[in-house]
Amino acid sequence: MVESNTPKKKKLQEQIDAQMARELEEQQEREDMRMNEQIATNAEVARIQRDNLREGASKETKIIRGSS
């Protein structure tokens, strides 16, 4: 933040600072939403991979035991 001497400049600087703070907050919210979406996607991929591994292990067990 830049300090201004005149009241008019000081008021303008306060408005600019407030606008910048709002924009930074909005940007942070967007980044948080993207991160949460990525976490949800990663969790779904992990769930699918886990299910596939379990299914594969189950098939291998059946083959080893000689059942179909």
PDB file of N, CA and C in Angstrom:
ATOM      1  N   MET A   1       0.835  -1.172   0.000  1.00  0.00           N
ATOM      2  CA  MET A   1       0.000   0.000   0.000  1.00  0.00           C
ATOM      3  C   MET A   1       0.885   1.241   0.000  1.00  0.00           C
ATOM      4  N   VAL A   2       0.541   2.229  -0.815  1.00  0.00           N
ATOM      5  CA  VAL A   2       1.282   3.480  -0.913  1.00  0.00           C
ATOM      6  C   VAL A   2       0.571   4.522  -0.063  1.00  0.00           C
ATOM      7  N   GLU A   3       1.315   5.239   0.766  1.00  0.00           N
ATOM      8  CA  GLU A   3       0.725   6.269   1.618  1.00  0.00           C
ATOM      9  C   GLU A   3       0.558   7.562   0.817  1.00  0.00           C
ATOM     10  N   SER A   4      -0.609   8.204   0.959  1.00  0.00           N
ATOM     11  CA  SER A   4      -0.878   9.463   0.272  1.00  0.00           C
ATOM     12  C   SER A   4      -1.121  10.549   1.311  1.00  0.00           C
ATOM     13  N   ASN A   5      -0.740  11.784   0.965  1.00  0.00           N
ATOM     14  CA  ASN A   5      -0.860  12.891   1.908  1.00  0.00           C
ATOM     15  C   ASN A   5      -2.210  13.580   1.834  1.00  0.00           C
ATOM     16  N   THR A   6      -2.735  13.796   0.656  1.00  0.00           N
ATOM     17  CA  THR A   6      -3.990  14.534   0.545  1.00  0.00           C
ATOM     18  C   THR A   6      -5.166  13.606   0.806  1.00  0.00           C
ATOM     19  N   PRO A   7      -6.231  14.142   1.418  1.00  0.00           N
ATOM     20  CA  PRO A   7      -7.404  13.304   1.712  1.00  0.00           C
ATOM     21  C   PRO A   7      -8.010  12.664   0.465  1.00  0.00           C
ATOM     22  N   LYS A   8      -8.021  13.399  -0.648  1.00  0.00           N
ATOM     23  CA  LYS A   8      -8.597  12.862  -1.882  1.00  0.00           C
ATOM     24  C   LYS A   8      -7.785  11.667  -2.380  1.00  0.00           C
ATOM     25  N   LYS A   9      -6.473  11.815  -2.380  1.00  0.00           N
ATOM     26  CA  LYS A   9      -5.600  10.721  -2.817  1.00  0.00           C
ATOM     27  C   LYS A   9      -5.691   9.545  -1.848  1.00  0.00           C
ATOM     28  N   LYS A  10      -5.797   9.871  -0.559  1.00  0.00           N
ATOM     29  CA  LYS A  10      -5.893   8.819   0.448  1.00  0.00           C
ATOM     30  C   LYS A  10      -7.182   8.019   0.253  1.00  0.00           C
ATOM     31  N   LYS A  11      -8.289   8.720  -0.005  1.00  0.00           N
ATOM     32  CA  LYS A  11      -9.577   8.053  -0.228  1.00  0.00           C
ATOM     33  C   LYS A  11      -9.499   7.172  -1.478  1.00  0.00           C
ATOM     34  N   LEU A  12      -8.900   7.688  -2.543  1.00  0.00           N
ATOM     35  CA  LEU A  12      -8.753   6.919  -3.776  1.00  0.00           C
ATOM     36  C   LEU A  12      -7.898   5.679  -3.532  1.00  0.00           C
ATOM     37  N   GLN A  13      -6.818   5.836  -2.779  1.00  0.00           N
ATOM     38  CA  GLN A  13      -5.949   4.701  -2.480  1.00  0.00           C
ATOM     39  C   GLN A  13      -6.694   3.654  -1.661  1.00  0.00           C
ATOM     40  N   GLU A  14      -7.533   4.084  -0.725  1.00  0.00           N
ATOM     41  CA  GLU A  14      -8.334   3.148   0.069  1.00  0.00           C
ATOM     42  C   GLU A  14      -9.289   2.365  -0.828  1.00  0.00           C
ATOM     43  N   GLN A  15      -9.892   3.055  -1.806  1.00  0.00           N
ATOM     44  CA  GLN A  15     -10.804   2.384  -2.738  1.00  0.00           C
ATOM     45  C   GLN A  15     -10.053   1.364  -3.591  1.00  0.00           C
ATOM     46  N   ILE A  16      -8.877   1.751  -4.054  1.00  0.00           N
ATOM     47  CA  ILE A  16      -8.055   0.836  -4.856  1.00  0.00           C
ATOM     48  C   ILE A  16      -7.661  -0.375  -4.013  1.00  0.00           C
ATOM     49  N   ASP A  17      -7.251  -0.140  -2.777  1.00  0.00           N
ATOM     50  CA  ASP A  17      -6.864  -1.235  -1.882  1.00  0.00           C
ATOM     51  C   ASP A  17      -8.037  -2.175  -1.629  1.00  0.00           C
ATOM     52  N   ALA A  18      -9.226  -1.606  -1.420  1.00  0.00           N
ATOM     53  CA  ALA A  18     -10.416  -2.428  -1.173  1.00  0.00           C
ATOM     54  C   ALA A  18     -10.743  -3.270  -2.401  1.00  0.00           C
ATOM     55  N   GLN A  19     -10.640  -2.673  -3.590  1.00  0.00           N
ATOM     56  CA  GLN A  19     -10.909  -3.410  -4.828  1.00  0.00           C
ATOM     57  C   GLN A  19      -9.902  -4.540  -5.012  1.00  0.00           C
ATOM     58  N   MET A  20      -8.640  -4.255  -4.748  1.00  0.00           N
ATOM     59  CA  MET A  20      -7.603  -5.286  -4.863  1.00  0.00           C
ATOM     60  C   MET A  20      -7.865  -6.425  -3.881  1.00  0.00           C
ATOM     61  N   ALA A  21      -8.275  -6.086  -2.670  1.00  0.00           N
ATOM     62  CA  ALA A  21      -8.568  -7.113  -1.668  1.00  0.00           C
ATOM     63  C   ALA A  21      -9.723  -7.990  -2.138  1.00  0.00           C
ATOM     64  N   ARG A  22     -10.774  -7.374  -2.709  1.00  0.00           N
ATOM     65  CA  ARG A  22     -11.912  -8.154  -3.231  1.00  0.00           C
ATOM     66  C   ARG A  22     -11.467  -9.074  -4.358  1.00  0.00           C
ATOM     67  N   GLU A  23     -10.658  -8.544  -5.270  1.00  0.00           N
ATOM     68  CA  GLU A  23     -10.192  -9.351  -6.398  1.00  0.00           C
ATOM     69  C   GLU A  23      -9.324 -10.519  -5.930  1.00  0.00           C
ATOM     70  N   LEU A  24      -8.467 -10.274  -4.950  1.00  0.00           N
ATOM     71  CA  LEU A  24      -7.630 -11.350  -4.419  1.00  0.00           C
ATOM     72  C   LEU A  24      -8.479 -12.410  -3.726  1.00  0.00           C
ATOM     73  N   GLU A  25      -9.508 -11.978  -2.998  1.00  0.00           N
ATOM     74  CA  GLU A  25     -10.416 -12.928  -2.349  1.00  0.00           C
ATOM     75  C   GLU A  25     -11.134 -13.789  -3.379  1.00  0.00           C
ATOM     76  N   GLU A  26     -11.631 -13.146  -4.443  1.00  0.00           N
ATOM     77  CA  GLU A  26     -12.328 -13.880  -5.502  1.00  0.00           C
ATOM     78  C   GLU A  26     -11.392 -14.876  -6.178  1.00  0.00           C
ATOM     79  N   GLN A  27     -10.170 -14.450  -6.427  1.00  0.00           N
ATOM     80  CA  GLN A  27      -9.188 -15.336  -7.052  1.00  0.00           C
ATOM     81  C   GLN A  27      -8.909 -16.538  -6.148  1.00  0.00           C
ATOM     82  N   GLN A  28      -8.773 -16.289  -4.852  1.00  0.00           N
ATOM     83  CA  GLN A  28      -8.520 -17.376  -3.907  1.00  0.00           C
ATOM     84  C   GLN A  28      -9.700 -18.345  -3.876  1.00  0.00           C
ATOM     85  N   GLU A  29     -10.926 -17.815  -3.921  1.00  0.00           N
ATOM     86  CA  GLU A  29     -12.116 -18.671  -3.940  1.00  0.00           C
ATOM     87  C   GLU A  29     -12.136 -19.553  -5.186  1.00  0.00           C
ATOM     88  N   ARG A  30     -11.784 -18.974  -6.342  1.00  0.00           N
ATOM     89  CA  ARG A  30     -11.744 -19.765  -7.582  1.00  0.00           C
ATOM     90  C   ARG A  30     -10.689 -20.864  -7.491  1.00  0.00           C
ATOM     91  N   GLU A  31      -9.529 -20.525  -6.961  1.00  0.00           N
ATOM     92  CA  GLU A  31      -8.463 -21.523  -6.814  1.00  0.00           C
ATOM     93  C   GLU A  31      -8.881 -22.629  -5.843  1.00  0.00           C
ATOM     94  N   ASP A  32      -9.556 -22.248  -4.766  1.00  0.00           N
ATOM     95  CA  ASP A  32     -10.044 -23.243  -3.804  1.00  0.00           C
ATOM     96  C   ASP A  32     -11.059 -24.178  -4.456  1.00  0.00           C
ATOM     97  N   MET A  33     -11.958 -23.617  -5.270  1.00  0.00           N
ATOM     98  CA  MET A  33     -12.949 -24.449  -5.961  1.00  0.00           C
ATOM     99  C   MET A  33     -12.271 -25.417  -6.919  1.00  0.00           C
ATOM    100  N   ARG A  34     -11.291 -24.938  -7.686  1.00  0.00           N
ATOM    101  CA  ARG A  34     -10.564 -25.819  -8.608  1.00  0.00           C
ATOM    102  C   ARG A  34      -9.846 -26.929  -7.846  1.00  0.00           C
ATOM    103  N   MET A  35      -9.247 -26.568  -6.723  1.00  0.00           N
ATOM    104  CA  MET A  35      -8.532 -27.561  -5.931  1.00  0.00           C
ATOM    105  C   MET A  35      -9.511 -28.608  -5.383  1.00  0.00           C
ATOM    106  N   ASN A  36     -10.661 -28.167  -4.890  1.00  0.00           N
ATOM    107  CA  ASN A  36     -11.656 -29.111  -4.381  1.00  0.00           C
ATOM    108  C   ASN A  36     -12.175 -30.029  -5.481  1.00  0.00           C
ATOM    109  N   GLU A  37     -12.378 -29.484  -6.681  1.00  0.00           N
ATOM    110  CA  GLU A  37     -12.806 -30.311  -7.813  1.00  0.00           C
ATOM    111  C   GLU A  37     -11.738 -31.347  -8.155  1.00  0.00           C
ATOM    112  N   GLN A  38     -10.477 -30.939  -8.117  1.00  0.00           N
ATOM    113  CA  GLN A  38      -9.383 -31.866  -8.416  1.00  0.00           C
ATOM    114  C   GLN A  38      -9.291 -32.951  -7.353  1.00  0.00           C
ATOM    115  N   ILE A  39      -9.486 -32.586  -6.098  1.00  0.00           N
ATOM    116  CA  ILE A  39      -9.476 -33.578  -5.017  1.00  0.00           C
ATOM    117  C   ILE A  39     -10.594 -34.587  -5.222  1.00  0.00           C
ATOM    118  N   ALA A  40     -11.788 -34.108  -5.586  1.00  0.00           N
ATOM    119  CA  ALA A  40     -12.917 -35.015  -5.819  1.00  0.00           C
ATOM    120  C   ALA A  40     -12.627 -35.947  -6.991  1.00  0.00           C
ATOM    121  N   THR A  41     -12.036 -35.414  -8.057  1.00  0.00           N
ATOM    122  CA  THR A  41     -11.684 -36.236  -9.212  1.00  0.00           C
ATOM    123  C   THR A  41     -10.653 -37.290  -8.826  1.00  0.00           C
ATOM    124  N   ASN A  42      -9.635 -36.882  -8.090  1.00  0.00           N
ATOM    125  CA  ASN A  42      -8.599 -37.828  -7.660  1.00  0.00           C
ATOM    126  C   ASN A  42      -9.183 -38.921  -6.775  1.00  0.00           C
ATOM    127  N   ALA A  43     -10.107 -38.558  -5.907  1.00  0.00           N
ATOM    128  CA  ALA A  43     -10.734 -39.551  -5.027  1.00  0.00           C
ATOM    129  C   ALA A  43     -11.536 -40.559  -5.845  1.00  0.00           C
ATOM    130  N   GLU A  44     -12.230 -40.088  -6.865  1.00  0.00           N
ATOM    131  CA  GLU A  44     -13.012 -40.989  -7.723  1.00  0.00           C
ATOM    132  C   GLU A  44     -12.094 -41.934  -8.497  1.00  0.00           C
ATOM    133  N   VAL A  45     -10.997 -41.409  -9.027  1.00  0.00           N
ATOM    134  CA  VAL A  45     -10.034 -42.254  -9.742  1.00  0.00           C
ATOM    135  C   VAL A  45      -9.454 -43.301  -8.793  1.00  0.00           C
ATOM    136  N   ALA A  46      -9.117 -42.900  -7.583  1.00  0.00           N
ATOM    137  CA  ALA A  46      -8.567 -43.845  -6.602  1.00  0.00           C
ATOM    138  C   ALA A  46      -9.590 -44.930  -6.268  1.00  0.00           C
ATOM    139  N   ARG A  47     -10.859 -44.544  -6.136  1.00  0.00           N
ATOM    140  CA  ARG A  47     -11.914 -45.517  -5.843  1.00  0.00           C
ATOM    141  C   ARG A  47     -12.045 -46.527  -6.978  1.00  0.00           C
ATOM    142  N   ILE A  48     -12.021 -46.051  -8.208  1.00  0.00           N
ATOM    143  CA  ILE A  48     -12.128 -46.939  -9.370  1.00  0.00           C
ATOM    144  C   ILE A  48     -10.926 -47.880  -9.425  1.00  0.00           C
ATOM    145  N   GLN A  49      -9.736 -47.351  -9.204  1.00  0.00           N
ATOM    146  CA  GLN A  49      -8.538 -48.199  -9.214  1.00  0.00           C
ATOM    147  C   GLN A  49      -8.600 -49.246  -8.105  1.00  0.00           C
ATOM    148  N   ARG A  50      -9.055 -48.856  -6.936  1.00  0.00           N
ATOM    149  CA  ARG A  50      -9.191 -49.801  -5.823  1.00  0.00           C
ATOM    150  C   ARG A  50     -10.161 -50.920  -6.193  1.00  0.00           C
ATOM    151  N   ASP A  51     -11.311 -50.533  -6.770  1.00  0.00           N
ATOM    152  CA  ASP A  51     -12.303 -51.534  -7.161  1.00  0.00           C
ATOM    153  C   ASP A  51     -11.746 -52.478  -8.220  1.00  0.00           C
ATOM    154  N   ASN A  52     -10.998 -51.931  -9.168  1.00  0.00           N
ATOM    155  CA  ASN A  52     -10.392 -52.768 -10.208  1.00  0.00           C
ATOM    156  C   ASN A  52      -9.366 -53.734  -9.617  1.00  0.00           C
ATOM    157  N   LEU A  53      -8.579 -53.267  -8.668  1.00  0.00           N
ATOM    158  CA  LEU A  53      -7.603 -54.139  -8.014  1.00  0.00           C
ATOM    159  C   LEU A  53      -8.296 -55.256  -7.242  1.00  0.00           C
ATOM    160  N   ARG A  54      -9.359 -54.909  -6.544  1.00  0.00           N
ATOM    161  CA  ARG A  54     -10.106 -55.924  -5.793  1.00  0.00           C
ATOM    162  C   ARG A  54     -10.709 -56.959  -6.737  1.00  0.00           C
ATOM    163  N   GLU A  55     -11.261 -56.473  -7.840  1.00  0.00           N
ATOM    164  CA  GLU A  55     -11.867 -57.386  -8.817  1.00  0.00           C
ATOM    165  C   GLU A  55     -10.808 -58.315  -9.397  1.00  0.00           C
ATOM    166  N   GLY A  56      -9.649 -57.755  -9.725  1.00  0.00           N
ATOM    167  CA  GLY A  56      -8.559 -58.569 -10.261  1.00  0.00           C
ATOM    168  C   GLY A  56      -8.067 -59.589  -9.248  1.00  0.00           C
ATOM    169  N   ALA A  57      -7.944 -59.191  -7.999  1.00  0.00           N
ATOM    170  CA  ALA A  57      -7.495 -60.111  -6.949  1.00  0.00           C
ATOM    171  C   ALA A  57      -8.518 -61.216  -6.745  1.00  0.00           C
ATOM    172  N   SER A  58      -9.782 -60.871  -6.833  1.00  0.00           N
ATOM    173  CA  SER A  58     -10.840 -61.874  -6.668  1.00  0.00           C
ATOM    174  C   SER A  58     -10.779 -62.909  -7.790  1.00  0.00           C
ATOM    175  N   LYS A  59     -10.558 -62.444  -9.012  1.00  0.00           N
ATOM    176  CA  LYS A  59     -10.455 -63.367 -10.154  1.00  0.00           C
ATOM    177  C   LYS A  59      -9.240 -64.277 -10.001  1.00  0.00           C
ATOM    178  N   GLU A  60      -8.113 -63.705  -9.557  1.00  0.00           N
ATOM    179  CA  GLU A  60      -6.906 -64.514  -9.361  1.00  0.00           C
ATOM    180  C   GLU A  60      -7.132 -65.572  -8.289  1.00  0.00           C
ATOM    181  N   THR A  61      -7.813 -65.218  -7.230  1.00  0.00           N
ATOM    182  CA  THR A  61      -8.103 -66.172  -6.154  1.00  0.00           C
ATOM    183  C   THR A  61      -8.959 -67.315  -6.676  1.00  0.00           C
ATOM    184  N   LYS A  62      -9.951 -66.989  -7.497  1.00  0.00           N
ATOM    185  CA  LYS A  62     -10.819 -68.028  -8.061  1.00  0.00           C
ATOM    186  C   LYS A  62     -10.024 -68.963  -8.964  1.00  0.00           C
ATOM    187  N   ILE A  63      -9.110 -68.405  -9.743  1.00  0.00           N
ATOM    188  CA  ILE A  63      -8.296 -69.225 -10.642  1.00  0.00           C
ATOM    189  C   ILE A  63      -7.395 -70.147  -9.826  1.00  0.00           C
ATOM    190  N   ILE A  64      -6.776 -69.607  -8.788  1.00  0.00           N
ATOM    191  CA  ILE A  64      -5.885 -70.410  -7.944  1.00  0.00           C
ATOM    192  C   ILE A  64      -6.658 -71.531  -7.258  1.00  0.00           C
ATOM    193  N   ARG A  65      -7.867 -71.245  -6.807  1.00  0.00           N
ATOM    194  CA  ARG A  65      -8.677 -72.249  -6.119  1.00  0.00           C
ATOM    195  C   ARG A  65      -9.318 -73.231  -7.100  1.00  0.00           C
ATOM    196  N   GLY A  66      -9.285 -72.853  -8.361  1.00  0.00           N
ATOM    197  CA  GLY A  66      -9.845 -73.746  -9.376  1.00  0.00           C
ATOM    198  C   GLY A  66     -11.335 -73.576  -9.594  1.00  0.00           C
ATOM    199  N   SER A  67     -11.904 -72.482  -9.113  1.00  0.00           N
ATOM    200  CA  SER A  67     -13.324 -72.251  -9.370  1.00  0.00           C
ATOM    201  C   SER A  67     -13.484 -71.194 -10.445  1.00  0.00           C
ATOM    202  N   SER A  68     -14.668 -71.165 -11.010  1.00  0.00           N
ATOM    203  CA  SER A  68     -14.922 -70.205 -12.077  1.00  0.00           C
ATOM    204  C   SER A  68     -15.917 -69.182 -11.642  1.00  0.00           C
TER     205      SER A  68
END
